[in-house]
Amino acid sequence: MNLSLHTGLLGALEAGLIAFLIGVAVYAGWAWVCRRAGLSIGQAVGWGAAIAVVVAAGIDTWNLFYLGVAKLESPLYARLALAGIHDADHLGARVLLEVIGSLCGTVLGWWLFSGRLGVDAAAADGDEAT
């Protein structure tokens, strides 16, 4: 991704907003798939949230995990590991806001698109409210 995000808290907030939009879009796609396949709304929310988190926060989460696990015993290895990370000083905040943003985006998508999914499921079961 060639977005030039800011550094610090502003960059973390921008990444969280992008993750929020990704969460809405991924849930919209999964709601459509689950509606066509006859799956439940729980599966749409679960898969939508999981895929949104992986897409939105995957690289930064991997970098955070790698910094905690890798043996950075020499300054050279530490410099090489930190060179490929955008704003390594605020990596934890960025991962946290990306995860929160993608989950909140999924919830907003559920709120926006759940009416049609619920009506289709009720109509398929023959339990229409009169």
C-alpha atoms as a PDB file:
ATOM      1  CA  MET A   1       0.000   0.000   0.000  1.00  0.00           C
ATOM      2  CA  ASN A   2       1.551   3.293  -1.043  1.00  0.00           C
ATOM      3  CA  LEU A   3      -0.345   5.581   1.293  1.00  0.00           C
ATOM      4  CA  SER A   4       1.786   8.160   2.991  1.00  0.00           C
ATOM      5  CA  LEU A   5       0.367   8.035   6.492  1.00  0.00           C
ATOM      6  CA  HIS A   6       1.481  10.400   9.194  1.00  0.00           C
ATOM      7  CA  THR A   7       3.557   9.203  12.118  1.00  0.00           C
ATOM      8  CA  GLY A   8       2.535   9.083  15.740  1.00  0.00           C
ATOM      9  CA  LEU A   9      -1.016   9.097  17.001  1.00  0.00           C
ATOM     10  CA  LEU A  10      -2.357  10.845  13.900  1.00  0.00           C
ATOM     11  CA  GLY A  11      -0.986   8.058  11.689  1.00  0.00           C
ATOM     12  CA  ALA A  12      -2.485   5.440  14.006  1.00  0.00           C
ATOM     13  CA  LEU A  13      -5.868   7.177  13.788  1.00  0.00           C
ATOM     14  CA  GLU A  14      -5.621   7.280   9.987  1.00  0.00           C
ATOM     15  CA  ALA A  15      -4.823   3.564   9.906  1.00  0.00           C
ATOM     16  CA  GLY A  16      -7.780   2.912  12.227  1.00  0.00           C
ATOM     17  CA  LEU A  17     -10.100   4.868   9.923  1.00  0.00           C
ATOM     18  CA  ILE A  18      -8.899   2.892   6.909  1.00  0.00           C
ATOM     19  CA  ALA A  19      -9.456  -0.324   8.873  1.00  0.00           C
ATOM     20  CA  PHE A  20     -12.964   0.893   9.740  1.00  0.00           C
ATOM     21  CA  LEU A  21     -13.801   1.300   6.057  1.00  0.00           C
ATOM     22  CA  ILE A  22     -12.302  -2.103   5.293  1.00  0.00           C
ATOM     23  CA  GLY A  23     -14.502  -3.639   8.005  1.00  0.00           C
ATOM     24  CA  VAL A  24     -17.667  -2.169   6.476  1.00  0.00           C
ATOM     25  CA  ALA A  25     -16.708  -3.304   2.976  1.00  0.00           C
ATOM     26  CA  VAL A  26     -15.731  -6.835   4.011  1.00  0.00           C
ATOM     27  CA  TYR A  27     -18.930  -7.297   6.010  1.00  0.00           C
ATOM     28  CA  ALA A  28     -20.988  -6.059   3.059  1.00  0.00           C
ATOM     29  CA  GLY A  29     -19.359  -8.701   0.882  1.00  0.00           C
ATOM     30  CA  TRP A  30     -19.878 -11.465   3.421  1.00  0.00           C
ATOM     31  CA  ALA A  31     -23.493 -10.445   4.021  1.00  0.00           C
ATOM     32  CA  TRP A  32     -24.112 -10.811   0.285  1.00  0.00           C
ATOM     33  CA  VAL A  33     -22.353 -14.201   0.173  1.00  0.00           C
ATOM     34  CA  CYS A  34     -24.190 -15.505   3.232  1.00  0.00           C
ATOM     35  CA  ARG A  35     -27.521 -14.271   1.896  1.00  0.00           C
ATOM     36  CA  ARG A  36     -26.945 -16.156  -1.374  1.00  0.00           C
ATOM     37  CA  ALA A  37     -25.697 -19.307   0.359  1.00  0.00           C
ATOM     38  CA  GLY A  38     -28.383 -19.346   3.044  1.00  0.00           C
ATOM     39  CA  LEU A  39     -25.916 -19.035   5.919  1.00  0.00           C
ATOM     40  CA  SER A  40     -26.672 -17.364   9.233  1.00  0.00           C
ATOM     41  CA  ILE A  41     -25.923 -13.783  10.183  1.00  0.00           C
ATOM     42  CA  GLY A  42     -23.494 -15.023  12.832  1.00  0.00           C
ATOM     43  CA  GLN A  43     -21.320 -16.551  10.159  1.00  0.00           C
ATOM     44  CA  ALA A  44     -21.371 -13.302   8.190  1.00  0.00           C
ATOM     45  CA  VAL A  45     -20.322 -11.290  11.251  1.00  0.00           C
ATOM     46  CA  GLY A  46     -17.671 -13.793  12.324  1.00  0.00           C
ATOM     47  CA  TRP A  47     -16.023 -14.265   8.965  1.00  0.00           C
ATOM     48  CA  GLY A  48     -16.365 -10.588   8.118  1.00  0.00           C
ATOM     49  CA  ALA A  49     -14.671  -9.524  11.343  1.00  0.00           C
ATOM     50  CA  ALA A  50     -11.889 -12.097  11.056  1.00  0.00           C
ATOM     51  CA  ILE A  51     -11.056 -11.251   7.445  1.00  0.00           C
ATOM     52  CA  ALA A  52     -11.291  -7.498   8.096  1.00  0.00           C
ATOM     53  CA  VAL A  53      -8.770  -7.774  10.947  1.00  0.00           C
ATOM     54  CA  VAL A  54      -6.407  -9.870   8.829  1.00  0.00           C
ATOM     55  CA  VAL A  55      -6.616  -7.490   5.876  1.00  0.00           C
ATOM     56  CA  ALA A  56      -6.448  -4.249   7.851  1.00  0.00           C
ATOM     57  CA  ALA A  57      -3.945  -5.128  10.570  1.00  0.00           C
ATOM     58  CA  GLY A  58      -2.100  -8.130   9.144  1.00  0.00           C
ATOM     59  CA  ILE A  59       1.275  -6.616   8.244  1.00  0.00           C
ATOM     60  CA  ASP A  60       1.517  -4.430  11.329  1.00  0.00           C
ATOM     61  CA  THR A  61       0.479  -7.317  13.584  1.00  0.00           C
ATOM     62  CA  TRP A  62       3.132  -9.512  11.986  1.00  0.00           C
ATOM     63  CA  ASN A  63       5.775  -6.812  12.511  1.00  0.00           C
ATOM     64  CA  LEU A  64       4.764  -6.447  16.167  1.00  0.00           C
ATOM     65  CA  PHE A  65       4.903 -10.223  16.643  1.00  0.00           C
ATOM     66  CA  TYR A  66       8.259 -10.467  14.856  1.00  0.00           C
ATOM     67  CA  LEU A  67       9.844  -7.761  17.018  1.00  0.00           C
ATOM     68  CA  GLY A  68       8.760  -9.636  20.122  1.00  0.00           C
ATOM     69  CA  VAL A  69       9.964 -13.065  18.973  1.00  0.00           C
ATOM     70  CA  ALA A  70      13.048 -12.449  16.838  1.00  0.00           C
ATOM     71  CA  LYS A  71      16.448 -12.372  18.458  1.00  0.00           C
ATOM     72  CA  LEU A  72      17.673  -8.854  17.833  1.00  0.00           C
ATOM     73  CA  GLU A  73      20.975  -9.356  19.624  1.00  0.00           C
ATOM     74  CA  SER A  74      23.097  -7.112  17.473  1.00  0.00           C
ATOM     75  CA  PRO A  75      22.457  -3.506  16.486  1.00  0.00           C
ATOM     76  CA  LEU A  76      22.652  -4.531  12.830  1.00  0.00           C
ATOM     77  CA  TYR A  77      19.760  -7.004  13.128  1.00  0.00           C
ATOM     78  CA  ALA A  78      17.735  -4.488  15.118  1.00  0.00           C
ATOM     79  CA  ARG A  79      18.331  -1.795  12.502  1.00  0.00           C
ATOM     80  CA  LEU A  80      17.379  -4.166   9.688  1.00  0.00           C
ATOM     81  CA  ALA A  81      14.192  -5.217  11.474  1.00  0.00           C
ATOM     82  CA  LEU A  82      13.150  -1.628  12.198  1.00  0.00           C
ATOM     83  CA  ALA A  83      14.018  -0.320   8.727  1.00  0.00           C
ATOM     84  CA  GLY A  84      11.042  -1.963   7.059  1.00  0.00           C
ATOM     85  CA  ILE A  85       8.479  -0.765   9.604  1.00  0.00           C
ATOM     86  CA  HIS A  86       6.642   2.506   9.083  1.00  0.00           C
ATOM     87  CA  ASP A  87       6.705   4.404  12.410  1.00  0.00           C
ATOM     88  CA  ALA A  88       8.069   1.662  14.632  1.00  0.00           C
ATOM     89  CA  ASP A  89       7.736   3.910  17.698  1.00  0.00           C
ATOM     90  CA  HIS A  90       3.932   3.738  17.593  1.00  0.00           C
ATOM     91  CA  LEU A  91       3.473   0.259  16.135  1.00  0.00           C
ATOM     92  CA  GLY A  92       1.468  -1.044  19.093  1.00  0.00           C
ATOM     93  CA  ALA A  93      -0.985   1.855  19.009  1.00  0.00           C
ATOM     94  CA  ARG A  94      -1.423   1.441  15.271  1.00  0.00           C
ATOM     95  CA  VAL A  95      -2.161  -2.293  15.598  1.00  0.00           C
ATOM     96  CA  LEU A  96      -4.634  -1.636  18.407  1.00  0.00           C
ATOM     97  CA  LEU A  97      -6.497   1.047  16.467  1.00  0.00           C
ATOM     98  CA  GLU A  98      -6.516  -1.074  13.302  1.00  0.00           C
ATOM     99  CA  VAL A  99      -8.086  -4.002  15.158  1.00  0.00           C
ATOM    100  CA  ILE A 100     -10.629  -1.770  16.902  1.00  0.00           C
ATOM    101  CA  GLY A 101     -11.408   0.033  13.648  1.00  0.00           C
ATOM    102  CA  SER A 102     -11.964  -3.152  11.666  1.00  0.00           C
ATOM    103  CA  LEU A 103     -14.215  -4.639  14.369  1.00  0.00           C
ATOM    104  CA  CYS A 104     -16.218  -1.415  14.670  1.00  0.00           C
ATOM    105  CA  GLY A 105     -16.539  -1.280  10.893  1.00  0.00           C
ATOM    106  CA  THR A 106     -17.891  -4.812  10.902  1.00  0.00           C
ATOM    107  CA  VAL A 107     -20.437  -3.869  13.565  1.00  0.00           C
ATOM    108  CA  LEU A 108     -21.517  -0.810  11.577  1.00  0.00           C
ATOM    109  CA  GLY A 109     -21.826  -2.989   8.470  1.00  0.00           C
ATOM    110  CA  TRP A 110     -23.964  -5.440  10.427  1.00  0.00           C
ATOM    111  CA  TRP A 111     -26.149  -2.581  11.612  1.00  0.00           C
ATOM    112  CA  LEU A 112     -26.499  -1.169   8.090  1.00  0.00           C
ATOM    113  CA  PHE A 113     -27.065  -4.447   6.257  1.00  0.00           C
ATOM    114  CA  SER A 114     -28.784  -6.631   8.882  1.00  0.00           C
ATOM    115  CA  GLY A 115     -32.325  -5.599   7.992  1.00  0.00           C
ATOM    116  CA  ARG A 116     -32.200  -7.233   4.576  1.00  0.00           C
ATOM    117  CA  LEU A 117     -30.403 -10.294   5.918  1.00  0.00           C
ATOM    118  CA  GLY A 118     -32.952 -10.743   8.714  1.00  0.00           C
ATOM    119  CA  VAL A 119     -35.932 -10.298   6.368  1.00  0.00           C
ATOM    120  CA  ASP A 120     -34.500 -12.791   3.873  1.00  0.00           C
ATOM    121  CA  ALA A 121     -33.877 -15.344   6.615  1.00  0.00           C
ATOM    122  CA  ALA A 122     -37.395 -14.917   8.022  1.00  0.00           C
ATOM    123  CA  ALA A 123     -38.945 -15.193   4.563  1.00  0.00           C
ATOM    124  CA  ALA A 124     -36.966 -18.348   3.838  1.00  0.00           C
ATOM    125  CA  ASP A 125     -38.217 -19.934   7.067  1.00  0.00           C
ATOM    126  CA  GLY A 126     -41.802 -18.871   6.412  1.00  0.00           C
ATOM    127  CA  ASP A 127     -41.939 -16.807   9.614  1.00  0.00           C
ATOM    128  CA  GLU A 128     -42.995 -13.478   8.179  1.00  0.00           C
ATOM    129  CA  ALA A 129     -44.239 -10.997  10.740  1.00  0.00           C
ATOM    130  CA  THR A 130     -47.705  -9.721   9.907  1.00  0.00           C
END
